Amino acid sequence: MNSTVLAALIEYSKWYTERFGTIQPGWYVFPFGKPRPQDPTRPQVTMKTAWYNTRDKAGVKGRFHDTRHTAVTNLSEAGASHETIKSIVGHAD
C-alpha cells in the first residue's frame, strides 16, 4: 500500500467514525445509502458505487480493475509463488 492510499484510508476512517460512532465488528466498510451512506449494518448495493465514491473522495484516478493488476505485480515482486497469486486473484492458470 502506498502513502497516498494509506492517507486516504486514514481520512476515510476518521469520516466513518464521525458519521457512525465507534466502529463495530459487523459493520461494512462501505455502508448502504445514497446519496450519503446511512446504515453501516447494510452493505453498498454494488462495489462499483462504493469504488466510485471512495475513489472520488480520495482524489485518486483509475479503474477498480487496475488494482487487480497492481496486486498481481506487487505479489510477484514480493516473491509470491504462481500458485499463491492464482489463489488470491482467482486465475485458473
PDB file of N, CA and C in Angstrom:
ATOM      1  N   MET A   1       0.856  -1.165   0.000  1.00  0.00           N
ATOM      2  CA  MET A   1       0.000   0.000   0.000  1.00  0.00           C
ATOM      3  C   MET A   1       0.902   1.228   0.000  1.00  0.00           C
ATOM      4  N   ASN A   2       0.614   2.140  -0.906  1.00  0.00           N
ATOM      5  CA  ASN A   2       1.455   3.334  -0.957  1.00  0.00           C
ATOM      6  C   ASN A   2       0.921   4.412  -0.006  1.00  0.00           C
ATOM      7  N   SER A   3       1.681   5.478   0.149  1.00  0.00           N
ATOM      8  CA  SER A   3       1.340   6.524   1.117  1.00  0.00           C
ATOM      9  C   SER A   3       0.047   7.258   0.758  1.00  0.00           C
ATOM     10  N   THR A   4      -0.257   7.381  -0.514  1.00  0.00           N
ATOM     11  CA  THR A   4      -1.490   8.050  -0.936  1.00  0.00           C
ATOM     12  C   THR A   4      -2.715   7.251  -0.510  1.00  0.00           C
ATOM     13  N   VAL A   5      -2.668   5.937  -0.731  1.00  0.00           N
ATOM     14  CA  VAL A   5      -3.785   5.075  -0.344  1.00  0.00           C
ATOM     15  C   VAL A   5      -3.921   5.051   1.172  1.00  0.00           C
ATOM     16  N   LEU A   6      -2.807   4.945   1.872  1.00  0.00           N
ATOM     17  CA  LEU A   6      -2.842   4.939   3.334  1.00  0.00           C
ATOM     18  C   LEU A   6      -3.464   6.220   3.873  1.00  0.00           C
ATOM     19  N   ALA A   7      -3.066   7.354   3.335  1.00  0.00           N
ATOM     20  CA  ALA A   7      -3.628   8.640   3.776  1.00  0.00           C
ATOM     21  C   ALA A   7      -5.129   8.695   3.501  1.00  0.00           C
ATOM     22  N   ALA A   8      -5.559   8.189   2.343  1.00  0.00           N
ATOM     23  CA  ALA A   8      -6.988   8.182   2.013  1.00  0.00           C
ATOM     24  C   ALA A   8      -7.767   7.291   2.972  1.00  0.00           C
ATOM     25  N   LEU A   9      -7.206   6.135   3.314  1.00  0.00           N
ATOM     26  CA  LEU A   9      -7.884   5.229   4.244  1.00  0.00           C
ATOM     27  C   LEU A   9      -7.971   5.814   5.650  1.00  0.00           C
ATOM     28  N   ILE A  10      -6.945   6.514   6.071  1.00  0.00           N
ATOM     29  CA  ILE A  10      -6.967   7.163   7.378  1.00  0.00           C
ATOM     30  C   ILE A  10      -8.046   8.234   7.419  1.00  0.00           C
ATOM     31  N   GLU A  11      -8.127   9.040   6.378  1.00  0.00           N
ATOM     32  CA  GLU A  11      -9.171  10.065   6.303  1.00  0.00           C
ATOM     33  C   GLU A  11     -10.557   9.438   6.271  1.00  0.00           C
ATOM     34  N   TYR A  12     -10.701   8.362   5.514  1.00  0.00           N
ATOM     35  CA  TYR A  12     -11.987   7.678   5.429  1.00  0.00           C
ATOM     36  C   TYR A  12     -12.380   7.133   6.799  1.00  0.00           C
ATOM     37  N   SER A  13     -11.425   6.573   7.506  1.00  0.00           N
ATOM     38  CA  SER A  13     -11.688   6.038   8.841  1.00  0.00           C
ATOM     39  C   SER A  13     -12.164   7.135   9.796  1.00  0.00           C
ATOM     40  N   LYS A  14     -11.548   8.312   9.708  1.00  0.00           N
ATOM     41  CA  LYS A  14     -11.976   9.446  10.539  1.00  0.00           C
ATOM     42  C   LYS A  14     -13.397   9.851  10.198  1.00  0.00           C
ATOM     43  N   TRP A  15     -13.690   9.970   8.905  1.00  0.00           N
ATOM     44  CA  TRP A  15     -15.036  10.337   8.471  1.00  0.00           C
ATOM     45  C   TRP A  15     -16.049   9.304   8.952  1.00  0.00           C
ATOM     46  N   TYR A  16     -15.716   8.038   8.769  1.00  0.00           N
ATOM     47  CA  TYR A  16     -16.619   6.934   9.122  1.00  0.00           C
ATOM     48  C   TYR A  16     -16.954   6.985  10.612  1.00  0.00           C
ATOM     49  N   THR A  17     -15.944   7.174  11.430  1.00  0.00           N
ATOM     50  CA  THR A  17     -16.148   7.230  12.878  1.00  0.00           C
ATOM     51  C   THR A  17     -16.984   8.448  13.266  1.00  0.00           C
ATOM     52  N   GLU A  18     -16.733   9.584  12.638  1.00  0.00           N
ATOM     53  CA  GLU A  18     -17.539  10.773  12.917  1.00  0.00           C
ATOM     54  C   GLU A  18     -18.990  10.558  12.505  1.00  0.00           C
ATOM     55  N   ARG A  19     -19.195   9.878  11.404  1.00  0.00           N
ATOM     56  CA  ARG A  19     -20.544   9.667  10.861  1.00  0.00           C
ATOM     57  C   ARG A  19     -21.342   8.648  11.662  1.00  0.00           C
ATOM     58  N   PHE A  20     -20.677   7.528  12.066  1.00  0.00           N
ATOM     59  CA  PHE A  20     -21.406   6.413  12.669  1.00  0.00           C
ATOM     60  C   PHE A  20     -21.022   6.096  14.112  1.00  0.00           C
ATOM     61  N   GLY A  21     -19.998   6.727  14.639  1.00  0.00           N
ATOM     62  CA  GLY A  21     -19.555   6.427  16.001  1.00  0.00           C
ATOM     63  C   GLY A  21     -18.519   5.321  16.007  1.00  0.00           C
ATOM     64  N   THR A  22     -18.327   4.726  17.162  1.00  0.00           N
ATOM     65  CA  THR A  22     -17.330   3.669  17.319  1.00  0.00           C
ATOM     66  C   THR A  22     -17.639   2.514  16.372  1.00  0.00           C
ATOM     67  N   ILE A  23     -16.655   2.155  15.589  1.00  0.00           N
ATOM     68  CA  ILE A  23     -16.822   1.114  14.571  1.00  0.00           C
ATOM     69  C   ILE A  23     -17.048  -0.238  15.244  1.00  0.00           C
ATOM     70  N   GLN A  24     -18.045  -0.961  14.745  1.00  0.00           N
ATOM     71  CA  GLN A  24     -18.411  -2.271  15.284  1.00  0.00           C
ATOM     72  C   GLN A  24     -17.943  -3.379  14.348  1.00  0.00           C
ATOM     73  N   PRO A  25     -17.631  -4.563  14.888  1.00  0.00           N
ATOM     74  CA  PRO A  25     -17.118  -5.660  14.054  1.00  0.00           C
ATOM     75  C   PRO A  25     -18.016  -6.069  12.888  1.00  0.00           C
ATOM     76  N   GLY A  26     -19.323  -6.007  13.028  1.00  0.00           N
ATOM     77  CA  GLY A  26     -20.214  -6.452  11.973  1.00  0.00           C
ATOM     78  C   GLY A  26     -20.547  -5.400  10.931  1.00  0.00           C
ATOM     79  N   TRP A  27     -19.984  -4.220  11.048  1.00  0.00           N
ATOM     80  CA  TRP A  27     -20.288  -3.142  10.115  1.00  0.00           C
ATOM     81  C   TRP A  27     -19.507  -3.294   8.820  1.00  0.00           C
ATOM     82  N   TYR A  28     -20.092  -2.758   7.753  1.00  0.00           N
ATOM     83  CA  TYR A  28     -19.469  -2.804   6.439  1.00  0.00           C
ATOM     84  C   TYR A  28     -18.555  -1.600   6.226  1.00  0.00           C
ATOM     85  N   VAL A  29     -17.471  -1.815   5.494  1.00  0.00           N
ATOM     86  CA  VAL A  29     -16.535  -0.737   5.186  1.00  0.00           C
ATOM     87  C   VAL A  29     -17.221   0.319   4.327  1.00  0.00           C
ATOM     88  N   PHE A  30     -18.041  -0.133   3.375  1.00  0.00           N
ATOM     89  CA  PHE A  30     -18.783   0.771   2.503  1.00  0.00           C
ATOM     90  C   PHE A  30     -20.270   0.639   2.834  1.00  0.00           C
ATOM     91  N   PRO A  31     -20.785   1.484   3.732  1.00  0.00           N
ATOM     92  CA  PRO A  31     -22.162   1.345   4.183  1.00  0.00           C
ATOM     93  C   PRO A  31     -23.212   1.735   3.152  1.00  0.00           C
ATOM     94  N   PHE A  32     -24.401   1.198   3.359  1.00  0.00           N
ATOM     95  CA  PHE A  32     -25.545   1.422   2.483  1.00  0.00           C
ATOM     96  C   PHE A  32     -26.045   2.862   2.587  1.00  0.00           C
ATOM     97  N   GLY A  33     -26.542   3.380   1.486  1.00  0.00           N
ATOM     98  CA  GLY A  33     -27.187   4.681   1.467  1.00  0.00           C
ATOM     99  C   GLY A  33     -26.739   5.522   0.297  1.00  0.00           C
ATOM    100  N   LYS A  34     -27.701   6.202  -0.297  1.00  0.00           N
ATOM    101  CA  LYS A  34     -27.381   7.074  -1.418  1.00  0.00           C
ATOM    102  C   LYS A  34     -28.293   8.280  -1.330  1.00  0.00           C
ATOM    103  N   PRO A  35     -27.837   9.499  -1.441  1.00  0.00           N
ATOM    104  CA  PRO A  35     -26.507   9.886  -1.888  1.00  0.00           C
ATOM    105  C   PRO A  35     -25.447   9.826  -0.785  1.00  0.00           C
ATOM    106  N   ARG A  36     -25.866   9.738   0.486  1.00  0.00           N
ATOM    107  CA  ARG A  36     -24.888   9.649   1.580  1.00  0.00           C
ATOM    108  C   ARG A  36     -25.076   8.329   2.310  1.00  0.00           C
ATOM    109  N   PRO A  37     -24.002   7.668   2.697  1.00  0.00           N
ATOM    110  CA  PRO A  37     -24.137   6.435   3.468  1.00  0.00           C
ATOM    111  C   PRO A  37     -24.934   6.677   4.747  1.00  0.00           C
ATOM    112  N   GLN A  38     -25.872   5.768   5.026  1.00  0.00           N
ATOM    113  CA  GLN A  38     -26.754   5.943   6.167  1.00  0.00           C
ATOM    114  C   GLN A  38     -26.758   4.784   7.145  1.00  0.00           C
ATOM    115  N   ASP A  39     -26.417   3.583   6.707  1.00  0.00           N
ATOM    116  CA  ASP A  39     -26.564   2.402   7.547  1.00  0.00           C
ATOM    117  C   ASP A  39     -25.358   1.477   7.423  1.00  0.00           C
ATOM    118  N   PRO A  40     -24.445   1.510   8.400  1.00  0.00           N
ATOM    119  CA  PRO A  40     -23.239   0.670   8.312  1.00  0.00           C
ATOM    120  C   PRO A  40     -23.517  -0.820   8.513  1.00  0.00           C
ATOM    121  N   THR A  41     -24.740  -1.173   8.935  1.00  0.00           N
ATOM    122  CA  THR A  41     -25.063  -2.589   9.116  1.00  0.00           C
ATOM    123  C   THR A  41     -25.521  -3.236   7.810  1.00  0.00           C
ATOM    124  N   ARG A  42     -25.660  -2.421   6.748  1.00  0.00           N
ATOM    125  CA  ARG A  42     -26.023  -2.921   5.424  1.00  0.00           C
ATOM    126  C   ARG A  42     -24.943  -2.509   4.439  1.00  0.00           C
ATOM    127  N   PRO A  43     -24.609  -3.389   3.482  1.00  0.00           N
ATOM    128  CA  PRO A  43     -23.550  -3.052   2.521  1.00  0.00           C
ATOM    129  C   PRO A  43     -24.060  -2.182   1.383  1.00  0.00           C
ATOM    130  N   GLN A  44     -23.130  -1.525   0.695  1.00  0.00           N
ATOM    131  CA  GLN A  44     -23.461  -0.855  -0.565  1.00  0.00           C
ATOM    132  C   GLN A  44     -24.092  -1.895  -1.470  1.00  0.00           C
ATOM    133  N   VAL A  45     -24.965  -1.465  -2.340  1.00  0.00           N
ATOM    134  CA  VAL A  45     -25.641  -2.382  -3.251  1.00  0.00           C
ATOM    135  C   VAL A  45     -24.657  -2.947  -4.268  1.00  0.00           C
ATOM    136  N   THR A  46     -23.737  -2.111  -4.749  1.00  0.00           N
ATOM    137  CA  THR A  46     -22.751  -2.585  -5.716  1.00  0.00           C
ATOM    138  C   THR A  46     -21.360  -2.109  -5.315  1.00  0.00           C
ATOM    139  N   MET A  47     -20.375  -2.888  -5.652  1.00  0.00           N
ATOM    140  CA  MET A  47     -18.992  -2.488  -5.406  1.00  0.00           C
ATOM    141  C   MET A  47     -18.629  -1.297  -6.280  1.00  0.00           C
ATOM    142  N   LYS A  48     -19.266  -1.214  -7.434  1.00  0.00           N
ATOM    143  CA  LYS A  48     -19.000  -0.124  -8.364  1.00  0.00           C
ATOM    144  C   LYS A  48     -19.301   1.224  -7.700  1.00  0.00           C
ATOM    145  N   THR A  49     -20.432   1.325  -7.037  1.00  0.00           N
ATOM    146  CA  THR A  49     -20.803   2.559  -6.353  1.00  0.00           C
ATOM    147  C   THR A  49     -19.799   2.882  -5.252  1.00  0.00           C
ATOM    148  N   ALA A  50     -19.460   1.875  -4.465  1.00  0.00           N
ATOM    149  CA  ALA A  50     -18.501   2.082  -3.379  1.00  0.00           C
ATOM    150  C   ALA A  50     -17.154   2.550  -3.926  1.00  0.00           C
ATOM    151  N   TRP A  51     -16.697   1.902  -5.002  1.00  0.00           N
ATOM    152  CA  TRP A  51     -15.414   2.266  -5.595  1.00  0.00           C
ATOM    153  C   TRP A  51     -15.425   3.699  -6.098  1.00  0.00           C
ATOM    154  N   TYR A  52     -16.449   4.082  -6.860  1.00  0.00           N
ATOM    155  CA  TYR A  52     -16.505   5.442  -7.407  1.00  0.00           C
ATOM    156  C   TYR A  52     -16.538   6.485  -6.286  1.00  0.00           C
ATOM    157  N   ASN A  53     -17.360   6.244  -5.273  1.00  0.00           N
ATOM    158  CA  ASN A  53     -17.460   7.207  -4.169  1.00  0.00           C
ATOM    159  C   ASN A  53     -16.136   7.363  -3.440  1.00  0.00           C
ATOM    160  N   THR A  54     -15.512   6.253  -3.121  1.00  0.00           N
ATOM    161  CA  THR A  54     -14.250   6.290  -2.379  1.00  0.00           C
ATOM    162  C   THR A  54     -13.139   6.883  -3.228  1.00  0.00           C
ATOM    163  N   ARG A  55     -13.055   6.453  -4.455  1.00  0.00           N
ATOM    164  CA  ARG A  55     -12.029   6.961  -5.364  1.00  0.00           C
ATOM    165  C   ARG A  55     -12.145   8.469  -5.535  1.00  0.00           C
ATOM    166  N   ASP A  56     -13.354   8.945  -5.761  1.00  0.00           N
ATOM    167  CA  ASP A  56     -13.555  10.376  -5.988  1.00  0.00           C
ATOM    168  C   ASP A  56     -13.235  11.196  -4.745  1.00  0.00           C
ATOM    169  N   LYS A  57     -13.649  10.704  -3.579  1.00  0.00           N
ATOM    170  CA  LYS A  57     -13.353  11.435  -2.335  1.00  0.00           C
ATOM    171  C   LYS A  57     -11.851  11.468  -2.060  1.00  0.00           C
ATOM    172  N   ALA A  58     -11.157  10.401  -2.445  1.00  0.00           N
ATOM    173  CA  ALA A  58      -9.709  10.329  -2.211  1.00  0.00           C
ATOM    174  C   ALA A  58      -8.922  11.092  -3.266  1.00  0.00           C
ATOM    175  N   GLY A  59      -9.589  11.480  -4.346  1.00  0.00           N
ATOM    176  CA  GLY A  59      -8.891  12.184  -5.417  1.00  0.00           C
ATOM    177  C   GLY A  59      -7.963  11.274  -6.198  1.00  0.00           C
ATOM    178  N   VAL A  60      -8.311   9.992  -6.266  1.00  0.00           N
ATOM    179  CA  VAL A  60      -7.487   9.004  -6.955  1.00  0.00           C
ATOM    180  C   VAL A  60      -8.094   8.739  -8.330  1.00  0.00           C
ATOM    181  N   LYS A  61      -7.254   8.488  -9.308  1.00  0.00           N
ATOM    182  CA  LYS A  61      -7.735   8.155 -10.644  1.00  0.00           C
ATOM    183  C   LYS A  61      -7.483   6.680 -10.898  1.00  0.00           C
ATOM    184  N   GLY A  62      -8.327   6.075 -11.697  1.00  0.00           N
ATOM    185  CA  GLY A  62      -8.115   4.678 -12.063  1.00  0.00           C
ATOM    186  C   GLY A  62      -9.374   3.846 -11.923  1.00  0.00           C
ATOM    187  N   ARG A  63      -9.334   2.697 -12.610  1.00  0.00           N
ATOM    188  CA  ARG A  63     -10.446   1.753 -12.542  1.00  0.00           C
ATOM    189  C   ARG A  63     -10.210   0.772 -11.408  1.00  0.00           C
ATOM    190  N   PHE A  64     -11.284   0.200 -10.877  1.00  0.00           N
ATOM    191  CA  PHE A  64     -11.145  -0.800  -9.827  1.00  0.00           C
ATOM    192  C   PHE A  64     -10.310  -1.976 -10.329  1.00  0.00           C
ATOM    193  N   HIS A  65     -10.521  -2.359 -11.570  1.00  0.00           N
ATOM    194  CA  HIS A  65      -9.786  -3.482 -12.148  1.00  0.00           C
ATOM    195  C   HIS A  65      -8.272  -3.233 -12.138  1.00  0.00           C
ATOM    196  N   ASP A  66      -7.868  -1.977 -12.210  1.00  0.00           N
ATOM    197  CA  ASP A  66      -6.440  -1.655 -12.180  1.00  0.00           C
ATOM    198  C   ASP A  66      -5.791  -2.127 -10.886  1.00  0.00           C
ATOM    199  N   THR A  67      -6.555  -2.136  -9.796  1.00  0.00           N
ATOM    200  CA  THR A  67      -5.995  -2.583  -8.515  1.00  0.00           C
ATOM    201  C   THR A  67      -5.641  -4.060  -8.564  1.00  0.00           C
ATOM    202  N   ARG A  68      -6.345  -4.809  -9.369  1.00  0.00           N
ATOM    203  CA  ARG A  68      -6.056  -6.236  -9.528  1.00  0.00           C
ATOM    204  C   ARG A  68      -4.680  -6.433 -10.157  1.00  0.00           C
ATOM    205  N   HIS A  69      -4.398  -5.656 -11.191  1.00  0.00           N
ATOM    206  CA  HIS A  69      -3.093  -5.750 -11.845  1.00  0.00           C
ATOM    207  C   HIS A  69      -1.979  -5.326 -10.889  1.00  0.00           C
ATOM    208  N   THR A  70      -2.224  -4.280 -10.137  1.00  0.00           N
ATOM    209  CA  THR A  70      -1.241  -3.811  -9.156  1.00  0.00           C
ATOM    210  C   THR A  70      -0.974  -4.890  -8.113  1.00  0.00           C
ATOM    211  N   ALA A  71      -2.037  -5.537  -7.639  1.00  0.00           N
ATOM    212  CA  ALA A  71      -1.877  -6.594  -6.640  1.00  0.00           C
ATOM    213  C   ALA A  71      -1.028  -7.741  -7.175  1.00  0.00           C
ATOM    214  N   VAL A  72      -1.292  -8.156  -8.405  1.00  0.00           N
ATOM    215  CA  VAL A  72      -0.514  -9.250  -9.006  1.00  0.00           C
ATOM    216  C   VAL A  72       0.955  -8.851  -9.135  1.00  0.00           C
ATOM    217  N   THR A  73       1.213  -7.643  -9.589  1.00  0.00           N
ATOM    218  CA  THR A  73       2.591  -7.160  -9.712  1.00  0.00           C
ATOM    219  C   THR A  73       3.281  -7.129  -8.354  1.00  0.00           C
ATOM    220  N   ASN A  74       2.604  -6.567  -7.356  1.00  0.00           N
ATOM    221  CA  ASN A  74       3.205  -6.479  -6.014  1.00  0.00           C
ATOM    222  C   ASN A  74       3.477  -7.858  -5.421  1.00  0.00           C
ATOM    223  N   LEU A  75       2.548  -8.778  -5.592  1.00  0.00           N
ATOM    224  CA  LEU A  75       2.756 -10.138  -5.092  1.00  0.00           C
ATOM    225  C   LEU A  75       3.939 -10.796  -5.784  1.00  0.00           C
ATOM    226  N   SER A  76       4.028 -10.632  -7.095  1.00  0.00           N
ATOM    227  CA  SER A  76       5.122 -11.216  -7.861  1.00  0.00           C
ATOM    228  C   SER A  76       6.467 -10.637  -7.439  1.00  0.00           C
ATOM    229  N   GLU A  77       6.513  -9.317  -7.317  1.00  0.00           N
ATOM    230  CA  GLU A  77       7.765  -8.667  -6.904  1.00  0.00           C
ATOM    231  C   GLU A  77       8.167  -9.041  -5.479  1.00  0.00           C
ATOM    232  N   ALA A  78       7.181  -9.396  -4.653  1.00  0.00           N
ATOM    233  CA  ALA A  78       7.480  -9.788  -3.271  1.00  0.00           C
ATOM    234  C   ALA A  78       7.895 -11.252  -3.174  1.00  0.00           C
ATOM    235  N   GLY A  79       7.854 -11.960  -4.324  1.00  0.00           N
ATOM    236  CA  GLY A  79       8.316 -13.344  -4.345  1.00  0.00           C
ATOM    237  C   GLY A  79       7.228 -14.383  -4.125  1.00  0.00           C
ATOM    238  N   ALA A  80       5.976 -13.999  -4.191  1.00  0.00           N
ATOM    239  CA  ALA A  80       4.894 -14.972  -4.037  1.00  0.00           C
ATOM    240  C   ALA A  80       4.924 -15.970  -5.192  1.00  0.00           C
ATOM    241  N   SER A  81       4.576 -17.199  -4.892  1.00  0.00           N
ATOM    242  CA  SER A  81       4.569 -18.227  -5.933  1.00  0.00           C
ATOM    243  C   SER A  81       3.388 -18.016  -6.882  1.00  0.00           C
ATOM    244  N   HIS A  82       3.491 -18.635  -8.056  1.00  0.00           N
ATOM    245  CA  HIS A  82       2.403 -18.543  -9.034  1.00  0.00           C
ATOM    246  C   HIS A  82       1.117 -19.128  -8.454  1.00  0.00           C
ATOM    247  N   GLU A  83       1.250 -20.209  -7.691  1.00  0.00           N
ATOM    248  CA  GLU A  83       0.074 -20.849  -7.082  1.00  0.00           C
ATOM    249  C   GLU A  83      -0.601 -19.902  -6.084  1.00  0.00           C
ATOM    250  N   THR A  84       0.193 -19.200  -5.301  1.00  0.00           N
ATOM    251  CA  THR A  84      -0.359 -18.258  -4.324  1.00  0.00           C
ATOM    252  C   THR A  84      -1.082 -17.129  -5.038  1.00  0.00           C
ATOM    253  N   ILE A  85      -0.461 -16.576  -6.051  1.00  0.00           N
ATOM    254  CA  ILE A  85      -1.073 -15.477  -6.805  1.00  0.00           C
ATOM    255  C   ILE A  85      -2.375 -15.940  -7.458  1.00  0.00           C
ATOM    256  N   LYS A  86      -2.358 -17.118  -8.056  1.00  0.00           N
ATOM    257  CA  LYS A  86      -3.571 -17.658  -8.694  1.00  0.00           C
ATOM    258  C   LYS A  86      -4.696 -17.795  -7.682  1.00  0.00           C
ATOM    259  N   SER A  87      -4.381 -18.276  -6.495  1.00  0.00           N
ATOM    260  CA  SER A  87      -5.437 -18.489  -5.498  1.00  0.00           C
ATOM    261  C   SER A  87      -5.989 -17.168  -4.975  1.00  0.00           C
ATOM    262  N   ILE A  88      -5.158 -16.153  -4.888  1.00  0.00           N
ATOM    263  CA  ILE A  88      -5.617 -14.852  -4.386  1.00  0.00           C
ATOM    264  C   ILE A  88      -6.476 -14.135  -5.415  1.00  0.00           C
ATOM    265  N   VAL A  89      -6.059 -14.131  -6.666  1.00  0.00           N
ATOM    266  CA  VAL A  89      -6.770 -13.355  -7.685  1.00  0.00           C
ATOM    267  C   VAL A  89      -7.780 -14.170  -8.487  1.00  0.00           C
ATOM    268  N   GLY A  90      -7.830 -15.479  -8.255  1.00  0.00           N
ATOM    269  CA  GLY A  90      -8.837 -16.297  -8.902  1.00  0.00           C
ATOM    270  C   GLY A  90      -8.541 -16.723 -10.316  1.00  0.00           C
ATOM    271  N   HIS A  91      -7.274 -16.742 -10.695  1.00  0.00           N
ATOM    272  CA  HIS A  91      -6.913 -17.215 -12.036  1.00  0.00           C
ATOM    273  C   HIS A  91      -6.957 -18.740 -12.088  1.00  0.00           C
ATOM    274  N   ALA A  92      -7.376 -19.263 -13.207  1.00  0.00           N
ATOM    275  CA  ALA A  92      -7.412 -20.709 -13.386  1.00  0.00           C
ATOM    276  C   ALA A  92      -6.048 -21.254 -13.786  1.00  0.00           C
ATOM    277  N   ASP A  93      -5.286 -20.452 -14.558  1.00  0.00           N
ATOM    278  CA  ASP A  93      -3.944 -20.891 -14.963  1.00  0.00           C
ATOM    279  C   ASP A  93      -3.003 -19.716 -15.050  1.00  0.00           C
TER     280      ASP A  93
END
